[in-house]
Amino acid sequence: MAYEPYVNSDEYLSLGYDIIPQEDRDKALLTASRHIDSLTFNRIVGKGIDNLAVYQQDLIKEVVCEQAEFEYENADVIDTILTSYSINGVSMSFGASWNVHVENGVAMKTDIYSKLKQTGLCCRLL
């Protein structure tokens, strides 16, 4: 059985998201879903999204959409191997900062990660 993202293209639109163009949407949603699996230690895959509470399912779908949009809009920065650079006194750095959380190699806006943590699936102790 092939891996299915937690949100399909139609759900993405019905949830009110629209930044990612149709031709890039399936790949972006799949990648975001895989990243969510990494951050939740594959607990969603292990249990099955349909076996989670409706609250958890709704949060996961919202997070997948928001993460897909974040990754789509910031692909150039996320894909760079540089952590920082400076040109003529102007500098830029990428990594853990006040608004970006990086864990398990996945960069995510801090507020999106906070929503994902509300599912209870990100705890390392489980």
PDB file of N, CA and C in Angstrom:
ATOM      1  N   MET A   1       0.847  -1.179   0.000  1.00  0.00           N
ATOM      2  CA  MET A   1       0.000   0.000   0.000  1.00  0.00           C
ATOM      3  C   MET A   1       0.893   1.242   0.000  1.00  0.00           C
ATOM      4  N   ALA A   2       0.609   2.152  -0.882  1.00  0.00           N
ATOM      5  CA  ALA A   2       1.399   3.378  -1.021  1.00  0.00           C
ATOM      6  C   ALA A   2       1.086   4.356   0.112  1.00  0.00           C
ATOM      7  N   TYR A   3       2.096   5.123   0.452  1.00  0.00           N
ATOM      8  CA  TYR A   3       1.932   6.148   1.490  1.00  0.00           C
ATOM      9  C   TYR A   3       1.003   7.247   0.975  1.00  0.00           C
ATOM     10  N   GLU A   4       0.043   7.607   1.763  1.00  0.00           N
ATOM     11  CA  GLU A   4      -0.894   8.677   1.415  1.00  0.00           C
ATOM     12  C   GLU A   4      -0.672   9.862   2.346  1.00  0.00           C
ATOM     13  N   PRO A   5      -0.615  11.075   1.784  1.00  0.00           N
ATOM     14  CA  PRO A   5      -0.480  12.250   2.659  1.00  0.00           C
ATOM     15  C   PRO A   5      -1.738  12.402   3.519  1.00  0.00           C
ATOM     16  N   TYR A   6      -1.610  13.109   4.616  1.00  0.00           N
ATOM     17  CA  TYR A   6      -2.734  13.278   5.532  1.00  0.00           C
ATOM     18  C   TYR A   6      -3.776  14.258   5.016  1.00  0.00           C
ATOM     19  N   VAL A   7      -3.427  15.011   3.986  1.00  0.00           N
ATOM     20  CA  VAL A   7      -4.351  15.952   3.351  1.00  0.00           C
ATOM     21  C   VAL A   7      -4.179  15.801   1.850  1.00  0.00           C
ATOM     22  N   ASN A   8      -5.296  15.651   1.121  1.00  0.00           N
ATOM     23  CA  ASN A   8      -5.187  15.621  -0.336  1.00  0.00           C
ATOM     24  C   ASN A   8      -5.485  17.016  -0.895  1.00  0.00           C
ATOM     25  N   SER A   9      -5.334  17.153  -2.170  1.00  0.00           N
ATOM     26  CA  SER A   9      -5.467  18.458  -2.821  1.00  0.00           C
ATOM     27  C   SER A   9      -6.851  19.083  -2.592  1.00  0.00           C
ATOM     28  N   ASP A  10      -7.890  18.282  -2.670  1.00  0.00           N
ATOM     29  CA  ASP A  10      -9.248  18.798  -2.464  1.00  0.00           C
ATOM     30  C   ASP A  10      -9.454  19.266  -1.024  1.00  0.00           C
ATOM     31  N   GLU A  11      -8.956  18.497  -0.063  1.00  0.00           N
ATOM     32  CA  GLU A  11      -9.065  18.886   1.344  1.00  0.00           C
ATOM     33  C   GLU A  11      -8.292  20.181   1.606  1.00  0.00           C
ATOM     34  N   TYR A  12      -7.132  20.291   0.998  1.00  0.00           N
ATOM     35  CA  TYR A  12      -6.303  21.488   1.139  1.00  0.00           C
ATOM     36  C   TYR A  12      -7.115  22.730   0.766  1.00  0.00           C
ATOM     37  N   LEU A  13      -7.786  22.657  -0.356  1.00  0.00           N
ATOM     38  CA  LEU A  13      -8.598  23.799  -0.805  1.00  0.00           C
ATOM     39  C   LEU A  13      -9.816  24.001   0.092  1.00  0.00           C
ATOM     40  N   SER A  14     -10.458  22.912   0.486  1.00  0.00           N
ATOM     41  CA  SER A  14     -11.678  23.035   1.301  1.00  0.00           C
ATOM     42  C   SER A  14     -11.382  23.563   2.703  1.00  0.00           C
ATOM     43  N   LEU A  15     -10.139  23.395   3.165  1.00  0.00           N
ATOM     44  CA  LEU A  15      -9.750  23.926   4.472  1.00  0.00           C
ATOM     45  C   LEU A  15      -9.370  25.401   4.399  1.00  0.00           C
ATOM     46  N   GLY A  16      -9.432  25.975   3.198  1.00  0.00           N
ATOM     47  CA  GLY A  16      -9.198  27.406   3.042  1.00  0.00           C
ATOM     48  C   GLY A  16      -7.782  27.797   2.675  1.00  0.00           C
ATOM     49  N   TYR A  17      -6.971  26.838   2.296  1.00  0.00           N
ATOM     50  CA  TYR A  17      -5.597  27.128   1.895  1.00  0.00           C
ATOM     51  C   TYR A  17      -5.539  27.213   0.372  1.00  0.00           C
ATOM     52  N   ASP A  18      -4.642  28.063  -0.143  1.00  0.00           N
ATOM     53  CA  ASP A  18      -4.614  28.223  -1.606  1.00  0.00           C
ATOM     54  C   ASP A  18      -3.295  28.743  -2.175  1.00  0.00           C
ATOM     55  N   ILE A  19      -2.248  28.768  -1.380  1.00  0.00           N
ATOM     56  CA  ILE A  19      -0.978  29.330  -1.836  1.00  0.00           C
ATOM     57  C   ILE A  19      -0.272  28.420  -2.843  1.00  0.00           C
ATOM     58  N   ILE A  20      -0.306  27.131  -2.626  1.00  0.00           N
ATOM     59  CA  ILE A  20       0.450  26.198  -3.466  1.00  0.00           C
ATOM     60  C   ILE A  20      -0.325  25.927  -4.756  1.00  0.00           C
ATOM     61  N   PRO A  21       0.319  26.144  -5.918  1.00  0.00           N
ATOM     62  CA  PRO A  21      -0.357  25.866  -7.188  1.00  0.00           C
ATOM     63  C   PRO A  21      -0.662  24.380  -7.351  1.00  0.00           C
ATOM     64  N   GLN A  22      -1.672  24.077  -8.127  1.00  0.00           N
ATOM     65  CA  GLN A  22      -2.136  22.708  -8.334  1.00  0.00           C
ATOM     66  C   GLN A  22      -1.015  21.757  -8.734  1.00  0.00           C
ATOM     67  N   GLU A  23      -0.140  22.196  -9.625  1.00  0.00           N
ATOM     68  CA  GLU A  23       0.903  21.297 -10.128  1.00  0.00           C
ATOM     69  C   GLU A  23       1.944  20.930  -9.076  1.00  0.00           C
ATOM     70  N   ASP A  24       2.067  21.715  -8.013  1.00  0.00           N
ATOM     71  CA  ASP A  24       3.031  21.434  -6.948  1.00  0.00           C
ATOM     72  C   ASP A  24       2.384  20.896  -5.672  1.00  0.00           C
ATOM     73  N   ARG A  25       1.075  20.906  -5.632  1.00  0.00           N
ATOM     74  CA  ARG A  25       0.349  20.644  -4.392  1.00  0.00           C
ATOM     75  C   ARG A  25       0.532  19.226  -3.852  1.00  0.00           C
ATOM     76  N   ASP A  26       0.395  18.215  -4.698  1.00  0.00           N
ATOM     77  CA  ASP A  26       0.485  16.830  -4.213  1.00  0.00           C
ATOM     78  C   ASP A  26       1.849  16.540  -3.600  1.00  0.00           C
ATOM     79  N   LYS A  27       2.896  16.986  -4.270  1.00  0.00           N
ATOM     80  CA  LYS A  27       4.248  16.759  -3.756  1.00  0.00           C
ATOM     81  C   LYS A  27       4.459  17.510  -2.444  1.00  0.00           C
ATOM     82  N   ALA A  28       3.996  18.752  -2.373  1.00  0.00           N
ATOM     83  CA  ALA A  28       4.172  19.548  -1.154  1.00  0.00           C
ATOM     84  C   ALA A  28       3.430  18.929   0.028  1.00  0.00           C
ATOM     85  N   LEU A  29       2.223  18.447  -0.195  1.00  0.00           N
ATOM     86  CA  LEU A  29       1.434  17.835   0.878  1.00  0.00           C
ATOM     87  C   LEU A  29       2.048  16.506   1.323  1.00  0.00           C
ATOM     88  N   LEU A  30       2.588  15.758   0.378  1.00  0.00           N
ATOM     89  CA  LEU A  30       3.252  14.504   0.719  1.00  0.00           C
ATOM     90  C   LEU A  30       4.510  14.767   1.547  1.00  0.00           C
ATOM     91  N   THR A  31       5.304  15.733   1.116  1.00  0.00           N
ATOM     92  CA  THR A  31       6.529  16.065   1.845  1.00  0.00           C
ATOM     93  C   THR A  31       6.213  16.560   3.253  1.00  0.00           C
ATOM     94  N   ALA A  32       5.215  17.432   3.367  1.00  0.00           N
ATOM     95  CA  ALA A  32       4.824  17.943   4.685  1.00  0.00           C
ATOM     96  C   ALA A  32       4.336  16.806   5.580  1.00  0.00           C
ATOM     97  N   SER A  33       3.580  15.878   5.033  1.00  0.00           N
ATOM     98  CA  SER A  33       3.090  14.740   5.812  1.00  0.00           C
ATOM     99  C   SER A  33       4.252  13.885   6.313  1.00  0.00           C
ATOM    100  N   ARG A  34       5.239  13.678   5.458  1.00  0.00           N
ATOM    101  CA  ARG A  34       6.425  12.913   5.863  1.00  0.00           C
ATOM    102  C   ARG A  34       7.184  13.632   6.979  1.00  0.00           C
ATOM    103  N   HIS A  35       7.260  14.950   6.873  1.00  0.00           N
ATOM    104  CA  HIS A  35       7.932  15.718   7.920  1.00  0.00           C
ATOM    105  C   HIS A  35       7.163  15.646   9.237  1.00  0.00           C
ATOM    106  N   ILE A  36       5.848  15.664   9.169  1.00  0.00           N
ATOM    107  CA  ILE A  36       5.027  15.524  10.376  1.00  0.00           C
ATOM    108  C   ILE A  36       5.280  14.152  11.000  1.00  0.00           C
ATOM    109  N   ASP A  37       5.403  13.117  10.173  1.00  0.00           N
ATOM    110  CA  ASP A  37       5.713  11.781  10.689  1.00  0.00           C
ATOM    111  C   ASP A  37       7.050  11.774  11.423  1.00  0.00           C
ATOM    112  N   SER A  38       8.027  12.470  10.877  1.00  0.00           N
ATOM    113  CA  SER A  38       9.335  12.547  11.525  1.00  0.00           C
ATOM    114  C   SER A  38       9.230  13.219  12.890  1.00  0.00           C
ATOM    115  N   LEU A  39       8.467  14.291  12.960  1.00  0.00           N
ATOM    116  CA  LEU A  39       8.342  15.044  14.213  1.00  0.00           C
ATOM    117  C   LEU A  39       7.470  14.332  15.251  1.00  0.00           C
ATOM    118  N   THR A  40       6.626  13.416  14.795  1.00  0.00           N
ATOM    119  CA  THR A  40       5.773  12.664  15.724  1.00  0.00           C
ATOM    120  C   THR A  40       6.273  11.238  15.914  1.00  0.00           C
ATOM    121  N   PHE A  41       7.522  10.972  15.475  1.00  0.00           N
ATOM    122  CA  PHE A  41       8.153   9.670  15.651  1.00  0.00           C
ATOM    123  C   PHE A  41       7.321   8.536  15.041  1.00  0.00           C
ATOM    124  N   ASN A  42       6.678   8.819  13.920  1.00  0.00           N
ATOM    125  CA  ASN A  42       5.857   7.856  13.159  1.00  0.00           C
ATOM    126  C   ASN A  42       4.684   7.281  13.954  1.00  0.00           C
ATOM    127  N   ARG A  43       4.250   8.000  14.941  1.00  0.00           N
ATOM    128  CA  ARG A  43       3.110   7.518  15.741  1.00  0.00           C
ATOM    129  C   ARG A  43       1.811   7.545  14.943  1.00  0.00           C
ATOM    130  N   ILE A  44       1.680   8.490  14.034  1.00  0.00           N
ATOM    131  CA  ILE A  44       0.458   8.549  13.212  1.00  0.00           C
ATOM    132  C   ILE A  44       0.423   7.348  12.281  1.00  0.00           C
ATOM    133  N   VAL A  45       1.555   7.033  11.667  1.00  0.00           N
ATOM    134  CA  VAL A  45       1.632   5.862  10.788  1.00  0.00           C
ATOM    135  C   VAL A  45       1.334   4.597  11.582  1.00  0.00           C
ATOM    136  N   GLY A  46       1.917   4.484  12.764  1.00  0.00           N
ATOM    137  CA  GLY A  46       1.741   3.292  13.589  1.00  0.00           C
ATOM    138  C   GLY A  46       0.311   3.059  14.030  1.00  0.00           C
ATOM    139  N   LYS A  47      -0.365   4.122  14.382  1.00  0.00           N
ATOM    140  CA  LYS A  47      -1.734   3.994  14.886  1.00  0.00           C
ATOM    141  C   LYS A  47      -2.768   4.138  13.777  1.00  0.00           C
ATOM    142  N   GLY A  48      -2.433   4.898  12.739  1.00  0.00           N
ATOM    143  CA  GLY A  48      -3.398   5.189  11.670  1.00  0.00           C
ATOM    144  C   GLY A  48      -4.132   6.469  12.005  1.00  0.00           C
ATOM    145  N   ILE A  49      -4.149   7.403  11.087  1.00  0.00           N
ATOM    146  CA  ILE A  49      -4.767   8.700  11.371  1.00  0.00           C
ATOM    147  C   ILE A  49      -6.246   8.558  11.702  1.00  0.00           C
ATOM    148  N   ASP A  50      -6.920   7.577  11.108  1.00  0.00           N
ATOM    149  CA  ASP A  50      -8.349   7.381  11.381  1.00  0.00           C
ATOM    150  C   ASP A  50      -8.613   6.876  12.800  1.00  0.00           C
ATOM    151  N   ASN A  51      -7.589   6.360  13.458  1.00  0.00           N
ATOM    152  CA  ASN A  51      -7.739   5.861  14.825  1.00  0.00           C
ATOM    153  C   ASN A  51      -7.406   6.908  15.876  1.00  0.00           C
ATOM    154  N   LEU A  52      -7.038   8.101  15.443  1.00  0.00           N
ATOM    155  CA  LEU A  52      -6.771   9.193  16.377  1.00  0.00           C
ATOM    156  C   LEU A  52      -8.067   9.920  16.692  1.00  0.00           C
ATOM    157  N   ALA A  53      -8.058  10.692  17.754  1.00  0.00           N
ATOM    158  CA  ALA A  53      -9.226  11.502  18.100  1.00  0.00           C
ATOM    159  C   ALA A  53      -9.469  12.524  16.993  1.00  0.00           C
ATOM    160  N   VAL A  54     -10.702  12.912  16.805  1.00  0.00           N
ATOM    161  CA  VAL A  54     -11.058  13.884  15.768  1.00  0.00           C
ATOM    162  C   VAL A  54     -10.272  15.178  15.962  1.00  0.00           C
ATOM    163  N   TYR A  55     -10.095  15.593  17.209  1.00  0.00           N
ATOM    164  CA  TYR A  55      -9.302  16.789  17.514  1.00  0.00           C
ATOM    165  C   TYR A  55      -7.888  16.651  16.971  1.00  0.00           C
ATOM    166  N   GLN A  56      -7.267  15.491  17.193  1.00  0.00           N
ATOM    167  CA  GLN A  56      -5.910  15.250  16.702  1.00  0.00           C
ATOM    168  C   GLN A  56      -5.872  15.243  15.174  1.00  0.00           C
ATOM    169  N   GLN A  57      -6.849  14.593  14.566  1.00  0.00           N
ATOM    170  CA  GLN A  57      -6.918  14.550  13.102  1.00  0.00           C
ATOM    171  C   GLN A  57      -7.026  15.953  12.512  1.00  0.00           C
ATOM    172  N   ASP A  58      -7.887  16.767  13.090  1.00  0.00           N
ATOM    173  CA  ASP A  58      -8.075  18.130  12.592  1.00  0.00           C
ATOM    174  C   ASP A  58      -6.795  18.950  12.724  1.00  0.00           C
ATOM    175  N   LEU A  59      -6.118  18.826  13.867  1.00  0.00           N
ATOM    176  CA  LEU A  59      -4.859  19.549  14.063  1.00  0.00           C
ATOM    177  C   LEU A  59      -3.796  19.081  13.076  1.00  0.00           C
ATOM    178  N   ILE A  60      -3.696  17.799  12.874  1.00  0.00           N
ATOM    179  CA  ILE A  60      -2.699  17.264  11.952  1.00  0.00           C
ATOM    180  C   ILE A  60      -2.945  17.776  10.541  1.00  0.00           C
ATOM    181  N   LYS A  61      -4.184  17.785  10.113  1.00  0.00           N
ATOM    182  CA  LYS A  61      -4.504  18.284   8.769  1.00  0.00           C
ATOM    183  C   LYS A  61      -4.181  19.768   8.632  1.00  0.00           C
ATOM    184  N   GLU A  62      -4.488  20.532   9.654  1.00  0.00           N
ATOM    185  CA  GLU A  62      -4.170  21.956   9.644  1.00  0.00           C
ATOM    186  C   GLU A  62      -2.657  22.168   9.592  1.00  0.00           C
ATOM    187  N   VAL A  63      -1.935  21.407  10.389  1.00  0.00           N
ATOM    188  CA  VAL A  63      -0.479  21.531  10.428  1.00  0.00           C
ATOM    189  C   VAL A  63       0.139  21.116   9.087  1.00  0.00           C
ATOM    190  N   VAL A  64      -0.363  20.065   8.477  1.00  0.00           N
ATOM    191  CA  VAL A  64       0.168  19.633   7.181  1.00  0.00           C
ATOM    192  C   VAL A  64      -0.005  20.743   6.148  1.00  0.00           C
ATOM    193  N   CYS A  65      -1.177  21.357   6.102  1.00  0.00           N
ATOM    194  CA  CYS A  65      -1.418  22.447   5.153  1.00  0.00           C
ATOM    195  C   CYS A  65      -0.495  23.630   5.411  1.00  0.00           C
ATOM    196  N   GLU A  66      -0.379  24.026   6.658  1.00  0.00           N
ATOM    197  CA  GLU A  66       0.467  25.164   6.998  1.00  0.00           C
ATOM    198  C   GLU A  66       1.945  24.860   6.750  1.00  0.00           C
ATOM    199  N   GLN A  67       2.368  23.639   7.051  1.00  0.00           N
ATOM    200  CA  GLN A  67       3.753  23.252   6.829  1.00  0.00           C
ATOM    201  C   GLN A  67       4.052  23.193   5.331  1.00  0.00           C
ATOM    202  N   ALA A  68       3.134  22.658   4.552  1.00  0.00           N
ATOM    203  CA  ALA A  68       3.333  22.589   3.106  1.00  0.00           C
ATOM    204  C   ALA A  68       3.487  23.988   2.524  1.00  0.00           C
ATOM    205  N   GLU A  69       2.658  24.928   2.983  1.00  0.00           N
ATOM    206  CA  GLU A  69       2.770  26.307   2.499  1.00  0.00           C
ATOM    207  C   GLU A  69       4.077  26.953   2.945  1.00  0.00           C
ATOM    208  N   PHE A  70       4.479  26.723   4.188  1.00  0.00           N
ATOM    209  CA  PHE A  70       5.741  27.257   4.691  1.00  0.00           C
ATOM    210  C   PHE A  70       6.909  26.725   3.867  1.00  0.00           C
ATOM    211  N   GLU A  71       6.926  25.429   3.622  1.00  0.00           N
ATOM    212  CA  GLU A  71       8.015  24.833   2.862  1.00  0.00           C
ATOM    213  C   GLU A  71       7.997  25.300   1.407  1.00  0.00           C
ATOM    214  N   TYR A  72       6.821  25.471   0.836  1.00  0.00           N
ATOM    215  CA  TYR A  72       6.717  25.934  -0.548  1.00  0.00           C
ATOM    216  C   TYR A  72       7.233  27.373  -0.678  1.00  0.00           C
ATOM    217  N   GLU A  73       6.806  28.235   0.227  1.00  0.00           N
ATOM    218  CA  GLU A  73       7.197  29.642   0.162  1.00  0.00           C
ATOM    219  C   GLU A  73       8.666  29.864   0.495  1.00  0.00           C
ATOM    220  N   ASN A  74       9.263  28.975   1.272  1.00  0.00           N
ATOM    221  CA  ASN A  74      10.639  29.166   1.738  1.00  0.00           C
ATOM    222  C   ASN A  74      11.588  28.092   1.224  1.00  0.00           C
ATOM    223  N   ALA A  75      11.244  27.458   0.135  1.00  0.00           N
ATOM    224  CA  ALA A  75      12.033  26.340  -0.387  1.00  0.00           C
ATOM    225  C   ALA A  75      13.488  26.721  -0.628  1.00  0.00           C
ATOM    226  N   ASP A  76      13.731  27.895  -1.172  1.00  0.00           N
ATOM    227  CA  ASP A  76      15.110  28.300  -1.459  1.00  0.00           C
ATOM    228  C   ASP A  76      15.942  28.401  -0.198  1.00  0.00           C
ATOM    229  N   VAL A  77      15.367  28.934   0.858  1.00  0.00           N
ATOM    230  CA  VAL A  77      16.103  29.087   2.111  1.00  0.00           C
ATOM    231  C   VAL A  77      16.252  27.740   2.815  1.00  0.00           C
ATOM    232  N   ILE A  78      15.203  26.952   2.836  1.00  0.00           N
ATOM    233  CA  ILE A  78      15.240  25.661   3.525  1.00  0.00           C
ATOM    234  C   ILE A  78      16.229  24.713   2.854  1.00  0.00           C
ATOM    235  N   ASP A  79      16.291  24.742   1.530  1.00  0.00           N
ATOM    236  CA  ASP A  79      17.147  23.823   0.793  1.00  0.00           C
ATOM    237  C   ASP A  79      18.625  24.204   0.803  1.00  0.00           C
ATOM    238  N   THR A  80      18.936  25.380   1.264  1.00  0.00           N
ATOM    239  CA  THR A  80      20.335  25.793   1.285  1.00  0.00           C
ATOM    240  C   THR A  80      21.096  25.026   2.352  1.00  0.00           C
ATOM    241  N   ILE A  81      22.358  24.785   2.085  1.00  0.00           N
ATOM    242  CA  ILE A  81      23.173  24.077   3.080  1.00  0.00           C
ATOM    243  C   ILE A  81      23.850  25.053   4.023  1.00  0.00           C
ATOM    244  N   LEU A  82      23.758  26.339   3.709  1.00  0.00           N
ATOM    245  CA  LEU A  82      24.374  27.340   4.563  1.00  0.00           C
ATOM    246  C   LEU A  82      23.534  27.572   5.806  1.00  0.00           C
ATOM    247  N   THR A  83      24.181  27.789   6.914  1.00  0.00           N
ATOM    248  CA  THR A  83      23.452  28.162   8.115  1.00  0.00           C
ATOM    249  C   THR A  83      23.474  29.671   8.299  1.00  0.00           C
ATOM    250  N   SER A  84      24.478  30.339   7.697  1.00  0.00           N
ATOM    251  CA  SER A  84      24.517  31.790   7.752  1.00  0.00           C
ATOM    252  C   SER A  84      25.482  32.314   6.707  1.00  0.00           C
ATOM    253  N   TYR A  85      25.268  33.563   6.317  1.00  0.00           N
ATOM    254  CA  TYR A  85      26.214  34.230   5.434  1.00  0.00           C
ATOM    255  C   TYR A  85      26.103  35.726   5.632  1.00  0.00           C
ATOM    256  N   SER A  86      27.112  36.426   5.186  1.00  0.00           N
ATOM    257  CA  SER A  86      27.155  37.878   5.348  1.00  0.00           C
ATOM    258  C   SER A  86      27.770  38.497   4.103  1.00  0.00           C
ATOM    259  N   ILE A  87      27.126  39.526   3.595  1.00  0.00           N
ATOM    260  CA  ILE A  87      27.631  40.249   2.437  1.00  0.00           C
ATOM    261  C   ILE A  87      27.519  41.741   2.729  1.00  0.00           C
ATOM    262  N   ASN A  88      28.647  42.432   2.647  1.00  0.00           N
ATOM    263  CA  ASN A  88      28.673  43.882   2.850  1.00  0.00           C
ATOM    264  C   ASN A  88      27.948  44.316   4.127  1.00  0.00           C
ATOM    265  N   GLY A  89      28.164  43.615   5.207  1.00  0.00           N
ATOM    266  CA  GLY A  89      27.579  44.013   6.476  1.00  0.00           C
ATOM    267  C   GLY A  89      26.148  43.549   6.695  1.00  0.00           C
ATOM    268  N   VAL A  90      25.516  42.915   5.694  1.00  0.00           N
ATOM    269  CA  VAL A  90      24.162  42.391   5.841  1.00  0.00           C
ATOM    270  C   VAL A  90      24.287  40.891   6.026  1.00  0.00           C
ATOM    271  N   SER A  91      23.688  40.392   7.079  1.00  0.00           N
ATOM    272  CA  SER A  91      23.821  38.957   7.344  1.00  0.00           C
ATOM    273  C   SER A  91      22.464  38.289   7.425  1.00  0.00           C
ATOM    274  N   MET A  92      22.475  36.993   7.169  1.00  0.00           N
ATOM    275  CA  MET A  92      21.265  36.172   7.261  1.00  0.00           C
ATOM    276  C   MET A  92      21.679  34.844   7.856  1.00  0.00           C
ATOM    277  N   SER A  93      20.872  34.318   8.748  1.00  0.00           N
ATOM    278  CA  SER A  93      21.173  33.006   9.290  1.00  0.00           C
ATOM    279  C   SER A  93      19.915  32.159   9.264  1.00  0.00           C
ATOM    280  N   PHE A  94      20.111  30.870   9.165  1.00  0.00           N
ATOM    281  CA  PHE A  94      18.995  29.946   9.140  1.00  0.00           C
ATOM    282  C   PHE A  94      19.273  28.852  10.145  1.00  0.00           C
ATOM    283  N   GLY A  95      18.277  28.471  10.853  1.00  0.00           N
ATOM    284  CA  GLY A  95      18.391  27.433  11.879  1.00  0.00           C
ATOM    285  C   GLY A  95      17.391  27.760  12.963  1.00  0.00           C
ATOM    286  N   ALA A  96      17.619  27.248  14.121  1.00  0.00           N
ATOM    287  CA  ALA A  96      16.712  27.515  15.231  1.00  0.00           C
ATOM    288  C   ALA A  96      16.758  29.000  15.569  1.00  0.00           C
ATOM    289  N   SER A  97      15.631  29.625  15.587  1.00  0.00           N
ATOM    290  CA  SER A  97      15.519  31.036  15.944  1.00  0.00           C
ATOM    291  C   SER A  97      14.197  31.230  16.663  1.00  0.00           C
ATOM    292  N   TRP A  98      13.847  32.458  16.950  1.00  0.00           N
ATOM    293  CA  TRP A  98      12.634  32.700  17.716  1.00  0.00           C
ATOM    294  C   TRP A  98      11.372  32.323  16.959  1.00  0.00           C
ATOM    295  N   ASN A  99      11.409  32.268  15.629  1.00  0.00           N
ATOM    296  CA  ASN A  99      10.195  31.927  14.900  1.00  0.00           C
ATOM    297  C   ASN A  99      10.315  30.667  14.047  1.00  0.00           C
ATOM    298  N   VAL A 100      11.468  29.998  14.086  1.00  0.00           N
ATOM    299  CA  VAL A 100      11.650  28.758  13.346  1.00  0.00           C
ATOM    300  C   VAL A 100      12.187  27.693  14.299  1.00  0.00           C
ATOM    301  N   HIS A 101      11.512  26.567  14.303  1.00  0.00           N
ATOM    302  CA  HIS A 101      11.932  25.426  15.123  1.00  0.00           C
ATOM    303  C   HIS A 101      12.535  24.391  14.178  1.00  0.00           C
ATOM    304  N   VAL A 102      13.696  23.891  14.493  1.00  0.00           N
ATOM    305  CA  VAL A 102      14.337  22.857  13.679  1.00  0.00           C
ATOM    306  C   VAL A 102      14.525  21.626  14.548  1.00  0.00           C
ATOM    307  N   GLU A 103      13.952  20.524  14.115  1.00  0.00           N
ATOM    308  CA  GLU A 103      14.095  19.268  14.847  1.00  0.00           C
ATOM    309  C   GLU A 103      14.079  18.122  13.852  1.00  0.00           C
ATOM    310  N   ASN A 104      14.941  17.150  14.082  1.00  0.00           N
ATOM    311  CA  ASN A 104      15.045  15.988  13.192  1.00  0.00           C
ATOM    312  C   ASN A 104      15.248  16.412  11.735  1.00  0.00           C
ATOM    313  N   GLY A 105      15.927  17.536  11.525  1.00  0.00           N
ATOM    314  CA  GLY A 105      16.191  18.007  10.180  1.00  0.00           C
ATOM    315  C   GLY A 105      15.028  18.697   9.504  1.00  0.00           C
ATOM    316  N   VAL A 106      13.952  18.937  10.239  1.00  0.00           N
ATOM    317  CA  VAL A 106      12.765  19.577   9.681  1.00  0.00           C
ATOM    318  C   VAL A 106      12.655  20.987  10.246  1.00  0.00           C
ATOM    319  N   ALA A 107      12.582  21.965   9.353  1.00  0.00           N
ATOM    320  CA  ALA A 107      12.369  23.351   9.769  1.00  0.00           C
ATOM    321  C   ALA A 107      10.879  23.648   9.735  1.00  0.00           C
ATOM    322  N   MET A 108      10.395  24.244  10.817  1.00  0.00           N
ATOM    323  CA  MET A 108       8.963  24.519  10.940  1.00  0.00           C
ATOM    324  C   MET A 108       8.785  25.798  11.742  1.00  0.00           C
ATOM    325  N   LYS A 109       7.824  26.614  11.342  1.00  0.00           N
ATOM    326  CA  LYS A 109       7.545  27.802  12.136  1.00  0.00           C
ATOM    327  C   LYS A 109       7.153  27.369  13.544  1.00  0.00           C
ATOM    328  N   THR A 110       7.596  28.133  14.514  1.00  0.00           N
ATOM    329  CA  THR A 110       7.360  27.781  15.915  1.00  0.00           C
ATOM    330  C   THR A 110       5.878  27.650  16.238  1.00  0.00           C
ATOM    331  N   ASP A 111       5.047  28.523  15.693  1.00  0.00           N
ATOM    332  CA  ASP A 111       3.616  28.439  15.992  1.00  0.00           C
ATOM    333  C   ASP A 111       2.982  27.189  15.382  1.00  0.00           C
ATOM    334  N   ILE A 112       3.475  26.745  14.230  1.00  0.00           N
ATOM    335  CA  ILE A 112       2.960  25.515  13.631  1.00  0.00           C
ATOM    336  C   ILE A 112       3.376  24.321  14.490  1.00  0.00           C
ATOM    337  N   TYR A 113       4.634  24.323  14.942  1.00  0.00           N
ATOM    338  CA  TYR A 113       5.103  23.237  15.800  1.00  0.00           C
ATOM    339  C   TYR A 113       4.306  23.190  17.106  1.00  0.00           C
ATOM    340  N   SER A 114       3.952  24.337  17.634  1.00  0.00           N
ATOM    341  CA  SER A 114       3.140  24.388  18.861  1.00  0.00           C
ATOM    342  C   SER A 114       1.791  23.716  18.642  1.00  0.00           C
ATOM    343  N   LYS A 115       1.203  23.921  17.472  1.00  0.00           N
ATOM    344  CA  LYS A 115      -0.074  23.245  17.159  1.00  0.00           C
ATOM    345  C   LYS A 115       0.130  21.739  17.097  1.00  0.00           C
ATOM    346  N   LEU A 116       1.214  21.314  16.453  1.00  0.00           N
ATOM    347  CA  LEU A 116       1.478  19.877  16.344  1.00  0.00           C
ATOM    348  C   LEU A 116       1.680  19.256  17.725  1.00  0.00           C
ATOM    349  N   LYS A 117       2.354  19.958  18.616  1.00  0.00           N
ATOM    350  CA  LYS A 117       2.569  19.448  19.977  1.00  0.00           C
ATOM    351  C   LYS A 117       1.248  19.257  20.722  1.00  0.00           C
ATOM    352  N   GLN A 118       0.219  20.008  20.355  1.00  0.00           N
ATOM    353  CA  GLN A 118      -1.086  19.861  21.018  1.00  0.00           C
ATOM    354  C   GLN A 118      -1.719  18.504  20.755  1.00  0.00           C
ATOM    355  N   THR A 119      -1.239  17.783  19.748  1.00  0.00           N
ATOM    356  CA  THR A 119      -1.773  16.437  19.491  1.00  0.00           C
ATOM    357  C   THR A 119      -1.277  15.438  20.522  1.00  0.00           C
ATOM    358  N   GLY A 120      -0.186  15.773  21.227  1.00  0.00           N
ATOM    359  CA  GLY A 120       0.400  14.853  22.191  1.00  0.00           C
ATOM    360  C   GLY A 120       1.291  13.802  21.551  1.00  0.00           C
ATOM    361  N   LEU A 121       1.551  13.941  20.255  1.00  0.00           N
ATOM    362  CA  LEU A 121       2.315  12.926  19.533  1.00  0.00           C
ATOM    363  C   LEU A 121       3.791  13.263  19.371  1.00  0.00           C
ATOM    364  N   CYS A 122       4.211  14.415  19.855  1.00  0.00           N
ATOM    365  CA  CYS A 122       5.611  14.847  19.702  1.00  0.00           C
ATOM    366  C   CYS A 122       6.464  14.541  20.919  1.00  0.00           C
ATOM    367  N   CYS A 123       5.864  14.059  21.976  1.00  0.00           N
ATOM    368  CA  CYS A 123       6.579  13.810  23.217  1.00  0.00           C
ATOM    369  C   CYS A 123       7.546  12.641  23.057  1.00  0.00           C
ATOM    370  N   ARG A 124       8.787  12.841  23.444  1.00  0.00           N
ATOM    371  CA  ARG A 124       9.798  11.789  23.328  1.00  0.00           C
ATOM    372  C   ARG A 124       9.595  10.687  24.361  1.00  0.00           C
ATOM    373  N   LEU A 125       8.802  10.934  25.383  1.00  0.00           N
ATOM    374  CA  LEU A 125       8.642   9.975  26.489  1.00  0.00           C
ATOM    375  C   LEU A 125       7.659   8.859  26.186  1.00  0.00           C
ATOM    376  N   LEU A 126       6.856   9.028  25.154  1.00  0.00           N
ATOM    377  CA  LEU A 126       5.842   8.005  24.861  1.00  0.00           C
ATOM    378  C   LEU A 126       6.411   6.764  24.261  1.00  0.00           C
TER     379      LEU A 126
END
